[in-house]
Amino acid sequence: MAKIKFIEHNGTEHEVEAGNGLSIMQAAVNNKVAGIVAECGGACSCATCHVQIDSEWYAKIEAPSDIENEMLEFAIDYEENTSRLSCQIKISDELDGIVVRTPESQY
C-alpha cells in the first residue's frame, strides 16, 4: 500500500492510498481525482492519463516503454523527464509518498 499525492494544475491536492499492483491511473480514477480522463482504460493507447512526476520520484520508477514514449508525443504539456502515462506506473511500497501532478487539460 502506498500514499500518493495528486496535485491538480490549480494547486488542489488529493492524498490517496492505493494497493500494490494497481496503476497510478487506477488509483486516481478510483478516488475521483480530477484531471485523469483514462479514456482507454489503461491500455496505453491514448495519452489521457498523462501526468508529471516530481523529479525526485521520476528516477525511482521504471523507464517508459517505446509505446508509452510514442503516446506521450500526443500529450499536452509534455515535459521530458517528468511526463509519464499514469496507467504505466505500478504502485509499490517503494512509491509511498510519490507526488503526481495533473495537467490543465488532457486534450
N, C-alpha and C. Protein backbone atom coordinates (compact mmCIF):
# COMPACT_ATOMS: atom_id res chain seq x y z
N MET A 1 0.86 -1.17 0.00
CA MET A 1 0.00 0.00 0.00
C MET A 1 0.90 1.23 0.00
N ALA A 2 0.48 2.23 -0.77
CA ALA A 2 1.27 3.46 -0.86
C ALA A 2 0.34 4.66 -0.83
N LYS A 3 0.84 5.76 -0.28
CA LYS A 3 0.13 7.03 -0.33
C LYS A 3 0.64 7.77 -1.56
N ILE A 4 -0.30 8.35 -2.29
CA ILE A 4 0.02 9.11 -3.49
C ILE A 4 -0.58 10.49 -3.33
N LYS A 5 0.22 11.52 -3.58
CA LYS A 5 -0.29 12.88 -3.56
C LYS A 5 -0.46 13.36 -4.99
N PHE A 6 -1.71 13.62 -5.35
CA PHE A 6 -2.04 14.20 -6.65
C PHE A 6 -2.20 15.70 -6.46
N ILE A 7 -1.59 16.47 -7.33
CA ILE A 7 -1.74 17.92 -7.29
C ILE A 7 -2.29 18.36 -8.65
N GLU A 8 -3.50 18.91 -8.62
CA GLU A 8 -4.12 19.40 -9.85
C GLU A 8 -3.41 20.66 -10.33
N HIS A 9 -3.62 21.02 -11.58
CA HIS A 9 -2.97 22.20 -12.16
C HIS A 9 -3.29 23.47 -11.39
N ASN A 10 -4.43 23.50 -10.69
CA ASN A 10 -4.82 24.69 -9.93
C ASN A 10 -4.33 24.66 -8.48
N GLY A 11 -3.56 23.63 -8.12
CA GLY A 11 -3.00 23.53 -6.79
C GLY A 11 -3.78 22.67 -5.81
N THR A 12 -4.99 22.24 -6.18
CA THR A 12 -5.79 21.38 -5.32
C THR A 12 -5.06 20.05 -5.12
N GLU A 13 -4.95 19.63 -3.88
CA GLU A 13 -4.24 18.39 -3.56
C GLU A 13 -5.20 17.29 -3.12
N HIS A 14 -4.88 16.07 -3.51
CA HIS A 14 -5.62 14.89 -3.10
C HIS A 14 -4.59 13.87 -2.64
N GLU A 15 -4.71 13.38 -1.44
CA GLU A 15 -3.82 12.31 -0.98
C GLU A 15 -4.66 11.04 -0.86
N VAL A 16 -4.25 10.01 -1.58
CA VAL A 16 -5.00 8.76 -1.59
C VAL A 16 -4.07 7.60 -1.24
N GLU A 17 -4.66 6.53 -0.76
CA GLU A 17 -3.92 5.30 -0.54
C GLU A 17 -4.37 4.30 -1.57
N ALA A 18 -3.43 3.54 -2.09
CA ALA A 18 -3.74 2.55 -3.11
C ALA A 18 -2.90 1.30 -2.90
N GLY A 19 -3.48 0.19 -3.28
CA GLY A 19 -2.82 -1.09 -3.11
C GLY A 19 -1.74 -1.35 -4.14
N ASN A 20 -0.77 -2.12 -3.73
CA ASN A 20 0.31 -2.52 -4.63
C ASN A 20 -0.25 -3.26 -5.83
N GLY A 21 0.34 -3.02 -6.98
CA GLY A 21 -0.06 -3.67 -8.21
C GLY A 21 -1.04 -2.87 -9.04
N LEU A 22 -1.78 -1.96 -8.41
CA LEU A 22 -2.65 -1.07 -9.18
C LEU A 22 -1.76 -0.06 -9.91
N SER A 23 -2.32 0.57 -10.91
CA SER A 23 -1.59 1.65 -11.57
C SER A 23 -1.96 2.97 -10.89
N ILE A 24 -1.12 3.97 -11.08
CA ILE A 24 -1.43 5.29 -10.56
C ILE A 24 -2.72 5.81 -11.19
N MET A 25 -2.95 5.48 -12.45
CA MET A 25 -4.20 5.86 -13.11
C MET A 25 -5.40 5.26 -12.39
N GLN A 26 -5.33 3.97 -12.05
CA GLN A 26 -6.44 3.33 -11.36
C GLN A 26 -6.69 3.97 -10.00
N ALA A 27 -5.62 4.32 -9.31
CA ALA A 27 -5.77 4.98 -8.01
C ALA A 27 -6.48 6.31 -8.17
N ALA A 28 -6.13 7.06 -9.22
CA ALA A 28 -6.76 8.36 -9.47
C ALA A 28 -8.24 8.19 -9.80
N VAL A 29 -8.55 7.28 -10.71
CA VAL A 29 -9.93 7.05 -11.12
C VAL A 29 -10.77 6.54 -9.94
N ASN A 30 -10.23 5.59 -9.19
CA ASN A 30 -10.96 5.03 -8.05
C ASN A 30 -11.28 6.08 -6.99
N ASN A 31 -10.45 7.11 -6.92
CA ASN A 31 -10.62 8.16 -5.91
C ASN A 31 -11.12 9.47 -6.50
N LYS A 32 -11.60 9.42 -7.74
CA LYS A 32 -12.20 10.56 -8.41
C LYS A 32 -11.31 11.81 -8.44
N VAL A 33 -10.03 11.58 -8.71
CA VAL A 33 -9.09 12.68 -8.84
C VAL A 33 -9.32 13.34 -10.19
N ALA A 34 -9.58 14.64 -10.17
CA ALA A 34 -9.80 15.38 -11.42
C ALA A 34 -8.51 15.44 -12.23
N GLY A 35 -8.66 15.44 -13.55
CA GLY A 35 -7.51 15.61 -14.42
C GLY A 35 -7.00 14.34 -15.05
N ILE A 36 -7.52 13.19 -14.62
CA ILE A 36 -7.15 11.92 -15.22
C ILE A 36 -8.38 11.39 -15.95
N VAL A 37 -8.37 11.46 -17.28
CA VAL A 37 -9.53 11.05 -18.07
C VAL A 37 -9.54 9.53 -18.26
N ALA A 38 -8.39 8.96 -18.55
CA ALA A 38 -8.24 7.50 -18.70
C ALA A 38 -9.18 6.93 -19.75
N GLU A 39 -9.20 7.56 -20.90
CA GLU A 39 -10.12 7.18 -21.97
C GLU A 39 -9.96 5.73 -22.43
N CYS A 40 -8.74 5.22 -22.51
CA CYS A 40 -8.53 3.86 -22.99
C CYS A 40 -8.54 2.83 -21.87
N GLY A 41 -8.74 3.27 -20.65
CA GLY A 41 -8.83 2.35 -19.53
C GLY A 41 -7.52 1.73 -19.10
N GLY A 42 -6.43 2.28 -19.55
CA GLY A 42 -5.13 1.78 -19.12
C GLY A 42 -4.43 0.90 -20.13
N ALA A 43 -4.86 0.93 -21.38
CA ALA A 43 -4.28 0.09 -22.42
C ALA A 43 -3.08 0.72 -23.11
N CYS A 44 -2.65 1.89 -22.67
CA CYS A 44 -1.52 2.60 -23.26
C CYS A 44 -1.77 2.88 -24.74
N SER A 45 -3.03 3.28 -25.04
CA SER A 45 -3.35 3.58 -26.43
C SER A 45 -3.91 4.99 -26.60
N CYS A 46 -3.70 5.81 -25.58
CA CYS A 46 -4.05 7.23 -25.67
C CYS A 46 -3.11 7.96 -24.69
N ALA A 47 -3.30 9.22 -24.52
CA ALA A 47 -2.46 9.96 -23.58
C ALA A 47 -3.31 10.73 -22.58
N THR A 48 -4.52 10.22 -22.30
CA THR A 48 -5.44 10.96 -21.43
C THR A 48 -5.26 10.65 -19.94
N CYS A 49 -4.18 9.98 -19.62
CA CYS A 49 -3.83 9.80 -18.21
C CYS A 49 -2.43 10.38 -17.96
N HIS A 50 -2.04 11.30 -18.84
CA HIS A 50 -0.73 11.95 -18.74
C HIS A 50 -0.61 12.67 -17.40
N VAL A 51 0.52 12.50 -16.76
CA VAL A 51 0.83 13.20 -15.51
C VAL A 51 2.29 13.63 -15.55
N GLN A 52 2.64 14.46 -14.60
CA GLN A 52 4.04 14.83 -14.43
C GLN A 52 4.47 14.38 -13.04
N ILE A 53 5.55 13.65 -13.02
CA ILE A 53 6.09 13.09 -11.79
C ILE A 53 7.15 14.03 -11.25
N ASP A 54 7.07 14.36 -9.97
CA ASP A 54 8.11 15.21 -9.38
C ASP A 54 9.48 14.57 -9.60
N SER A 55 10.47 15.40 -9.86
CA SER A 55 11.79 14.93 -10.26
C SER A 55 12.42 13.97 -9.27
N GLU A 56 12.22 14.16 -7.99
CA GLU A 56 12.82 13.25 -7.01
C GLU A 56 12.26 11.84 -7.12
N TRP A 57 11.08 11.69 -7.70
CA TRP A 57 10.45 10.38 -7.85
C TRP A 57 10.67 9.78 -9.24
N TYR A 58 10.90 10.62 -10.23
CA TYR A 58 10.99 10.14 -11.60
C TYR A 58 12.04 9.04 -11.76
N ALA A 59 13.17 9.20 -11.14
CA ALA A 59 14.25 8.22 -11.26
C ALA A 59 13.94 6.91 -10.53
N LYS A 60 12.94 6.92 -9.67
CA LYS A 60 12.61 5.72 -8.89
C LYS A 60 11.61 4.81 -9.59
N ILE A 61 11.04 5.28 -10.69
CA ILE A 61 10.08 4.45 -11.41
C ILE A 61 10.72 3.88 -12.67
N GLU A 62 10.16 2.78 -13.12
CA GLU A 62 10.69 2.12 -14.32
C GLU A 62 10.61 3.06 -15.51
N ALA A 63 11.60 3.01 -16.37
CA ALA A 63 11.64 3.86 -17.56
C ALA A 63 10.45 3.56 -18.47
N PRO A 64 9.98 4.57 -19.19
CA PRO A 64 8.85 4.34 -20.11
C PRO A 64 9.24 3.45 -21.27
N SER A 65 8.27 2.66 -21.72
CA SER A 65 8.49 1.79 -22.88
C SER A 65 8.45 2.64 -24.16
N ASP A 66 8.82 2.03 -25.27
CA ASP A 66 8.76 2.73 -26.56
C ASP A 66 7.32 3.13 -26.89
N ILE A 67 6.36 2.26 -26.60
CA ILE A 67 4.95 2.57 -26.88
C ILE A 67 4.50 3.75 -26.03
N GLU A 68 4.87 3.75 -24.75
CA GLU A 68 4.50 4.88 -23.90
C GLU A 68 5.11 6.17 -24.42
N ASN A 69 6.36 6.14 -24.81
CA ASN A 69 7.01 7.34 -25.36
C ASN A 69 6.27 7.85 -26.61
N GLU A 70 5.81 6.92 -27.45
CA GLU A 70 5.05 7.33 -28.63
C GLU A 70 3.74 8.00 -28.24
N MET A 71 3.06 7.47 -27.25
CA MET A 71 1.80 8.06 -26.79
C MET A 71 2.04 9.43 -26.14
N LEU A 72 3.14 9.57 -25.45
CA LEU A 72 3.45 10.86 -24.80
C LEU A 72 3.65 11.98 -25.81
N GLU A 73 3.97 11.63 -27.05
CA GLU A 73 4.11 12.65 -28.09
C GLU A 73 2.79 13.40 -28.31
N PHE A 74 1.67 12.78 -27.95
CA PHE A 74 0.35 13.39 -28.13
C PHE A 74 -0.12 14.14 -26.88
N ALA A 75 0.64 14.08 -25.81
CA ALA A 75 0.22 14.70 -24.55
C ALA A 75 0.44 16.21 -24.59
N ILE A 76 -0.55 16.92 -24.09
CA ILE A 76 -0.42 18.37 -23.93
C ILE A 76 0.50 18.62 -22.74
N ASP A 77 1.32 19.63 -22.82
CA ASP A 77 2.25 19.99 -21.74
C ASP A 77 3.28 18.91 -21.45
N TYR A 78 3.67 18.17 -22.48
CA TYR A 78 4.70 17.15 -22.32
C TYR A 78 6.00 17.80 -21.84
N GLU A 79 6.61 17.19 -20.84
CA GLU A 79 7.91 17.64 -20.34
C GLU A 79 8.82 16.43 -20.20
N GLU A 80 9.95 16.49 -20.88
CA GLU A 80 10.92 15.40 -20.80
C GLU A 80 11.39 15.23 -19.36
N ASN A 81 11.52 13.99 -18.94
CA ASN A 81 11.99 13.60 -17.61
C ASN A 81 11.02 13.93 -16.48
N THR A 82 9.78 14.26 -16.80
CA THR A 82 8.74 14.34 -15.77
C THR A 82 7.43 13.73 -16.27
N SER A 83 7.16 13.80 -17.57
CA SER A 83 5.90 13.32 -18.12
C SER A 83 5.87 11.80 -18.20
N ARG A 84 4.75 11.24 -17.78
CA ARG A 84 4.50 9.80 -17.87
C ARG A 84 3.02 9.57 -18.07
N LEU A 85 2.68 8.38 -18.54
CA LEU A 85 1.30 7.94 -18.56
C LEU A 85 1.06 7.20 -17.26
N SER A 86 0.09 7.67 -16.50
CA SER A 86 -0.12 7.10 -15.16
C SER A 86 -0.61 5.65 -15.22
N CYS A 87 -1.12 5.21 -16.37
CA CYS A 87 -1.55 3.81 -16.49
C CYS A 87 -0.36 2.85 -16.53
N GLN A 88 0.83 3.37 -16.78
CA GLN A 88 2.01 2.54 -16.94
C GLN A 88 2.89 2.48 -15.69
N ILE A 89 2.45 3.14 -14.62
CA ILE A 89 3.25 3.15 -13.38
C ILE A 89 2.52 2.32 -12.34
N LYS A 90 3.11 1.20 -11.98
CA LYS A 90 2.53 0.30 -10.99
C LYS A 90 2.92 0.74 -9.59
N ILE A 91 1.96 0.71 -8.71
CA ILE A 91 2.17 1.12 -7.32
C ILE A 91 2.87 0.01 -6.56
N SER A 92 3.83 0.42 -5.74
CA SER A 92 4.55 -0.49 -4.85
C SER A 92 4.90 0.26 -3.58
N ASP A 93 5.34 -0.46 -2.58
CA ASP A 93 5.73 0.18 -1.32
C ASP A 93 6.80 1.25 -1.53
N GLU A 94 7.66 1.05 -2.54
CA GLU A 94 8.74 1.99 -2.81
C GLU A 94 8.23 3.34 -3.29
N LEU A 95 6.99 3.40 -3.75
CA LEU A 95 6.42 4.66 -4.24
C LEU A 95 5.58 5.38 -3.18
N ASP A 96 5.64 4.90 -1.95
CA ASP A 96 4.89 5.55 -0.87
C ASP A 96 5.33 7.00 -0.73
N GLY A 97 4.39 7.93 -0.93
CA GLY A 97 4.69 9.35 -0.83
C GLY A 97 4.91 10.04 -2.17
N ILE A 98 4.81 9.31 -3.28
CA ILE A 98 5.06 9.89 -4.60
C ILE A 98 4.13 11.09 -4.84
N VAL A 99 4.65 12.07 -5.53
CA VAL A 99 3.89 13.29 -5.88
C VAL A 99 3.68 13.30 -7.39
N VAL A 100 2.40 13.41 -7.77
CA VAL A 100 1.98 13.35 -9.17
C VAL A 100 1.18 14.61 -9.49
N ARG A 101 1.53 15.27 -10.56
CA ARG A 101 0.80 16.49 -10.97
C ARG A 101 -0.01 16.21 -12.23
N THR A 102 -1.24 16.72 -12.22
CA THR A 102 -2.09 16.55 -13.41
C THR A 102 -2.05 17.83 -14.24
N PRO A 103 -2.07 17.70 -15.56
CA PRO A 103 -2.03 18.89 -16.42
C PRO A 103 -3.38 19.60 -16.44
N GLU A 104 -3.38 20.81 -16.97
CA GLU A 104 -4.62 21.58 -17.06
C GLU A 104 -5.63 20.88 -17.96
N SER A 105 -5.16 20.22 -19.02
CA SER A 105 -6.05 19.54 -19.94
C SER A 105 -5.38 18.29 -20.48
N GLN A 106 -6.19 17.28 -20.77
CA GLN A 106 -5.70 16.06 -21.39
C GLN A 106 -5.94 16.07 -22.90
N TYR A 107 -6.59 17.09 -23.40
CA TYR A 107 -6.93 17.16 -24.83
C TYR A 107 -6.26 18.33 -25.49
